Amino acid sequence: MAHLFFAAAIQRHIPMPERNVPAHSVDEALSVAFAAEPRLRGYILDDQGGLRRHLSVFIDGNPLRDRRRLSDPVDANSRIYVVQALSGG
């Protein structure tokens, strides 16, 4: 199973411990987390179902490519990190 982590900055708002999830895509992995904690969906996804601009997702150290549909593949050994994006100058 893929392993899903939420950064501490996200967990300050909505606690979500790391967990193993049965998933073949980032969308499927997040759906497991949303089923466990429905409030998380509105914090992570925009009204179109895409990843909010202030967040980033990394799969095995690589940035998420499909921010709109979250279709990037994951496998049983994947590590998925959801973090707040950094901005500024």
C-alpha atoms as a PDB file:
ATOM      1  CA  MET A   1       0.000   0.000   0.000  1.00  0.00           C
ATOM      2  CA  ALA A   2       1.095   3.553  -0.679  1.00  0.00           C
ATOM      3  CA  HIS A   3       2.030   5.597   2.394  1.00  0.00           C
ATOM      4  CA  LEU A   4       0.341   9.001   2.741  1.00  0.00           C
ATOM      5  CA  PHE A   5       1.767  11.841   4.856  1.00  0.00           C
ATOM      6  CA  PHE A   6       0.311  15.265   5.629  1.00  0.00           C
ATOM      7  CA  ALA A   7       2.715  17.997   6.743  1.00  0.00           C
ATOM      8  CA  ALA A   8       2.485  19.372  10.271  1.00  0.00           C
ATOM      9  CA  ALA A   9       1.275  22.739   8.906  1.00  0.00           C
ATOM     10  CA  ILE A  10      -1.812  20.995   7.495  1.00  0.00           C
ATOM     11  CA  GLN A  11      -2.337  18.913  10.608  1.00  0.00           C
ATOM     12  CA  ARG A  12      -2.497  22.056  12.727  1.00  0.00           C
ATOM     13  CA  HIS A  13      -5.839  22.728  11.034  1.00  0.00           C
ATOM     14  CA  ILE A  14      -7.101  19.174  10.564  1.00  0.00           C
ATOM     15  CA  PRO A  15      -5.288  16.307  12.326  1.00  0.00           C
ATOM     16  CA  MET A  16      -4.570  13.463   9.925  1.00  0.00           C
ATOM     17  CA  PRO A  17      -1.977  10.874  10.944  1.00  0.00           C
ATOM     18  CA  GLU A  18       0.130   9.229   8.281  1.00  0.00           C
ATOM     19  CA  ARG A  19      -1.369   6.035   6.938  1.00  0.00           C
ATOM     20  CA  ASN A  20      -1.073   3.247   4.387  1.00  0.00           C
ATOM     21  CA  VAL A  21      -3.703   3.526   1.667  1.00  0.00           C
ATOM     22  CA  PRO A  22      -4.776   1.121  -1.089  1.00  0.00           C
ATOM     23  CA  ALA A  23      -4.399   3.321  -4.175  1.00  0.00           C
ATOM     24  CA  HIS A  24      -3.210   3.386  -7.770  1.00  0.00           C
ATOM     25  CA  SER A  25      -3.312   7.197  -8.115  1.00  0.00           C
ATOM     26  CA  VAL A  26      -2.959  10.272  -5.932  1.00  0.00           C
ATOM     27  CA  ASP A  27      -6.701  10.848  -6.312  1.00  0.00           C
ATOM     28  CA  GLU A  28      -7.457   7.396  -4.896  1.00  0.00           C
ATOM     29  CA  ALA A  29      -5.023   7.905  -2.020  1.00  0.00           C
ATOM     30  CA  LEU A  30      -6.550  11.245  -1.064  1.00  0.00           C
ATOM     31  CA  SER A  31     -10.057   9.795  -1.340  1.00  0.00           C
ATOM     32  CA  VAL A  32      -9.173   7.340   1.445  1.00  0.00           C
ATOM     33  CA  ALA A  33      -8.073  10.237   3.656  1.00  0.00           C
ATOM     34  CA  PHE A  34     -11.196  12.262   2.802  1.00  0.00           C
ATOM     35  CA  ALA A  35     -13.406   9.302   3.737  1.00  0.00           C
ATOM     36  CA  ALA A  36     -11.710   9.200   7.150  1.00  0.00           C
ATOM     37  CA  GLU A  37     -11.839  12.993   7.634  1.00  0.00           C
ATOM     38  CA  PRO A  38     -14.328  14.766   5.288  1.00  0.00           C
ATOM     39  CA  ARG A  39     -13.241  18.279   6.401  1.00  0.00           C
ATOM     40  CA  LEU A  40      -9.855  17.643   4.814  1.00  0.00           C
ATOM     41  CA  ARG A  41     -11.320  17.681   1.271  1.00  0.00           C
ATOM     42  CA  GLY A  42     -12.136  21.396   1.398  1.00  0.00           C
ATOM     43  CA  TYR A  43      -8.703  22.232   2.716  1.00  0.00           C
ATOM     44  CA  ILE A  44      -6.840  20.193   0.059  1.00  0.00           C
ATOM     45  CA  LEU A  45      -9.054  20.542  -3.030  1.00  0.00           C
ATOM     46  CA  ASP A  46     -10.560  23.606  -4.714  1.00  0.00           C
ATOM     47  CA  ASP A  47     -14.175  23.813  -5.898  1.00  0.00           C
ATOM     48  CA  GLN A  48     -13.190  22.163  -9.205  1.00  0.00           C
ATOM     49  CA  GLY A  49     -11.655  19.144  -7.436  1.00  0.00           C
ATOM     50  CA  GLY A  50      -8.060  20.152  -8.196  1.00  0.00           C
ATOM     51  CA  LEU A  51      -5.232  20.679  -5.739  1.00  0.00           C
ATOM     52  CA  ARG A  52      -5.376  24.105  -4.103  1.00  0.00           C
ATOM     53  CA  ARG A  53      -2.669  26.539  -5.166  1.00  0.00           C
ATOM     54  CA  HIS A  54      -1.192  26.828  -1.669  1.00  0.00           C
ATOM     55  CA  LEU A  55      -0.432  23.079  -1.508  1.00  0.00           C
ATOM     56  CA  SER A  56       2.075  20.749  -3.141  1.00  0.00           C
ATOM     57  CA  VAL A  57       2.127  16.967  -3.415  1.00  0.00           C
ATOM     58  CA  PHE A  58       5.255  14.875  -3.896  1.00  0.00           C
ATOM     59  CA  ILE A  59       5.247  11.232  -4.941  1.00  0.00           C
ATOM     60  CA  ASP A  60       8.515   9.474  -4.117  1.00  0.00           C
ATOM     61  CA  GLY A  61      10.228  12.869  -4.074  1.00  0.00           C
ATOM     62  CA  ASN A  62       8.800  14.019  -7.426  1.00  0.00           C
ATOM     63  CA  PRO A  63       6.267  16.851  -7.705  1.00  0.00           C
ATOM     64  CA  LEU A  64       2.703  16.042  -8.702  1.00  0.00           C
ATOM     65  CA  ARG A  65       2.232  16.599 -12.449  1.00  0.00           C
ATOM     66  CA  ASP A  66      -1.567  16.520 -12.707  1.00  0.00           C
ATOM     67  CA  ARG A  67      -2.821  19.121 -10.220  1.00  0.00           C
ATOM     68  CA  ARG A  68      -6.299  19.154 -11.799  1.00  0.00           C
ATOM     69  CA  ARG A  69      -7.274  15.463 -11.859  1.00  0.00           C
ATOM     70  CA  LEU A  70      -4.613  14.103  -9.446  1.00  0.00           C
ATOM     71  CA  SER A  71      -4.108  11.144 -11.792  1.00  0.00           C
ATOM     72  CA  ASP A  72      -0.387  10.644 -11.143  1.00  0.00           C
ATOM     73  CA  PRO A  73       0.161   6.922 -10.548  1.00  0.00           C
ATOM     74  CA  VAL A  74       1.323   5.439  -7.261  1.00  0.00           C
ATOM     75  CA  ASP A  75       2.229   1.880  -6.357  1.00  0.00           C
ATOM     76  CA  ALA A  76       2.474  -0.201  -3.219  1.00  0.00           C
ATOM     77  CA  ASN A  77       5.873   1.281  -2.330  1.00  0.00           C
ATOM     78  CA  SER A  78       5.033   4.939  -3.049  1.00  0.00           C
ATOM     79  CA  ARG A  79       5.360   7.641  -0.445  1.00  0.00           C
ATOM     80  CA  ILE A  80       2.975  10.551  -0.962  1.00  0.00           C
ATOM     81  CA  TYR A  81       3.642  13.830   0.860  1.00  0.00           C
ATOM     82  CA  VAL A  82       1.066  16.630   1.007  1.00  0.00           C
ATOM     83  CA  VAL A  83       2.673  19.902   2.075  1.00  0.00           C
ATOM     84  CA  GLN A  84       1.964  23.595   2.055  1.00  0.00           C
ATOM     85  CA  ALA A  85       3.674  25.313  -0.867  1.00  0.00           C
ATOM     86  CA  LEU A  86       6.251  27.963  -0.111  1.00  0.00           C
ATOM     87  CA  SER A  87       6.048  31.327  -1.799  1.00  0.00           C
ATOM     88  CA  GLY A  88       7.618  34.705  -1.466  1.00  0.00           C
ATOM     89  CA  GLY A  89      10.749  36.406  -2.527  1.00  0.00           C
END
